[in-house]
Protein backbone atom coordinates (compact mmCIF):
# COMPACT_ATOMS: atom_id res chain seq x y z
CA MET A 1 -0.11 -0.24 -0.03
CA MET A 2 2.77 2.39 0.54
CA MET A 3 4.57 1.75 -2.46
CA MET A 4 1.36 2.30 -4.41
CA MET A 5 0.93 5.66 -2.36
CA MET A 6 4.49 6.77 -3.29
CA THR A 7 3.97 5.65 -6.93
CA MET A 8 0.88 7.80 -7.50
CA MET A 9 2.43 10.65 -5.42
CA THR A 10 5.65 10.54 -7.64
CA MET A 11 3.39 10.62 -10.75
CA VAL A 12 1.50 13.85 -9.64
CA GLN A 13 4.57 15.32 -8.45
CA VAL A 14 5.94 14.90 -11.97
CA CYS A 15 2.62 16.21 -13.45
CA GLY A 16 2.89 19.48 -11.20
CA LEU A 17 6.68 20.03 -12.19
CA THR A 18 5.56 19.57 -15.67
CA MET A 19 3.01 22.37 -15.49
CA VAL A 20 5.70 24.74 -13.87
CA THR A 21 7.94 23.90 -16.61
CA VAL A 22 5.43 24.56 -19.26
CA GLY A 23 4.25 27.77 -17.69
CA VAL A 24 8.09 29.17 -17.11
CA LEU A 25 8.62 28.15 -21.02
CA MET A 26 5.32 30.12 -22.05
CA TYR A 27 6.23 32.95 -19.78
CA ALA A 28 9.94 33.11 -20.75
CA ALA A 29 9.25 32.64 -24.49
CA ASP A 30 9.42 35.97 -26.79
CA GLY A 31 6.36 37.08 -28.37
CA ASN A 32 7.18 35.72 -31.90
CA SER A 33 8.44 32.09 -31.36
CA THR A 34 5.99 30.11 -29.57
CA PHE A 35 2.59 28.84 -30.94
CA TYR A 36 0.88 30.15 -27.61
CA TRP A 37 1.84 33.86 -28.41
CA LYS A 38 0.91 33.63 -32.17
CA LEU A 39 -2.26 32.18 -31.12
CA LEU A 40 -2.90 35.34 -28.62
CA ASP A 41 -1.99 37.77 -31.42
CA GLY A 42 -4.89 36.73 -33.34
CA MET A 43 -7.48 36.97 -30.86
CA PRO A 44 -9.23 40.06 -29.64
CA MET A 45 -8.71 40.83 -25.86
CA ILE A 46 -12.19 41.49 -24.81
CA GLY A 47 -14.20 39.72 -22.14
CA PRO A 48 -13.11 36.38 -20.89
CA LEU A 49 -10.11 36.18 -23.32
CA VAL A 50 -8.15 38.45 -21.39
CA ALA A 51 -7.46 35.84 -18.98
CA PHE A 52 -5.33 34.02 -21.67
CA ASP A 53 -2.62 36.57 -21.18
CA ARG A 54 -2.07 35.23 -17.54
CA LEU A 55 -2.20 31.56 -18.59
CA PRO A 56 1.50 31.04 -18.00
CA VAL A 57 1.41 32.40 -14.39
CA VAL A 58 -1.36 30.20 -13.55
CA PHE A 59 0.35 27.06 -14.84
CA VAL A 60 3.51 27.92 -12.59
CA ILE A 61 1.11 28.92 -9.43
CA VAL A 62 -1.05 25.61 -9.77
CA GLY A 63 1.84 23.32 -10.82
CA GLY A 64 4.01 24.35 -7.88
CA PHE A 65 0.99 23.81 -5.56
CA VAL A 66 0.23 20.47 -6.95
CA ALA A 67 4.00 19.47 -6.61
CA LEU A 68 4.02 20.96 -2.96
CA VAL A 69 1.14 18.89 -2.17
CA SER A 70 2.19 15.63 -3.75
CA PHE A 71 5.56 16.00 -1.96
CA LEU A 72 4.09 15.96 1.25
CA GLY A 73 2.03 13.01 0.28
CA CYS A 74 4.97 11.09 -0.67
CA CYS A 75 6.63 12.03 2.79
CA GLY A 76 3.53 11.07 4.55
CA ALA A 77 3.73 7.86 2.73
CA CYS A 78 7.38 7.20 3.48
CA GLU A 79 6.98 7.84 7.07
CA ASP A 80 3.47 6.59 7.39
CA SER A 81 2.65 9.96 9.02
CA VAL A 82 -1.14 10.66 9.72
CA CYS A 83 -0.71 14.28 9.62
CA PHE A 84 0.89 14.54 6.17
CA LEU A 85 -1.77 12.03 4.40
CA CYS A 86 -4.47 14.04 6.03
CA VAL A 87 -3.11 17.30 4.68
CA VAL A 88 -2.95 15.61 1.36
CA SER A 89 -6.30 14.25 1.38
CA ILE A 90 -8.00 17.55 1.99
């Protein structure tokens, strides 16, 4: 059971770190080199489409949170800590 929990938390942590990496690459790329920025250039920035401009920052924040929570879950599975596992389950 512990190995299965650790494996799942490790996979979730990799997904969170992948989100952080994608967000950083989207944010750091100049305006002409990526598909994301080319797509944004063709869109009118009115209404709900304004939020697409902040998408890289959202990826970094959500990915960092997911990686942190899954790290706590992995530590809780290693140590059989009820406190860490309760934090992850919330």
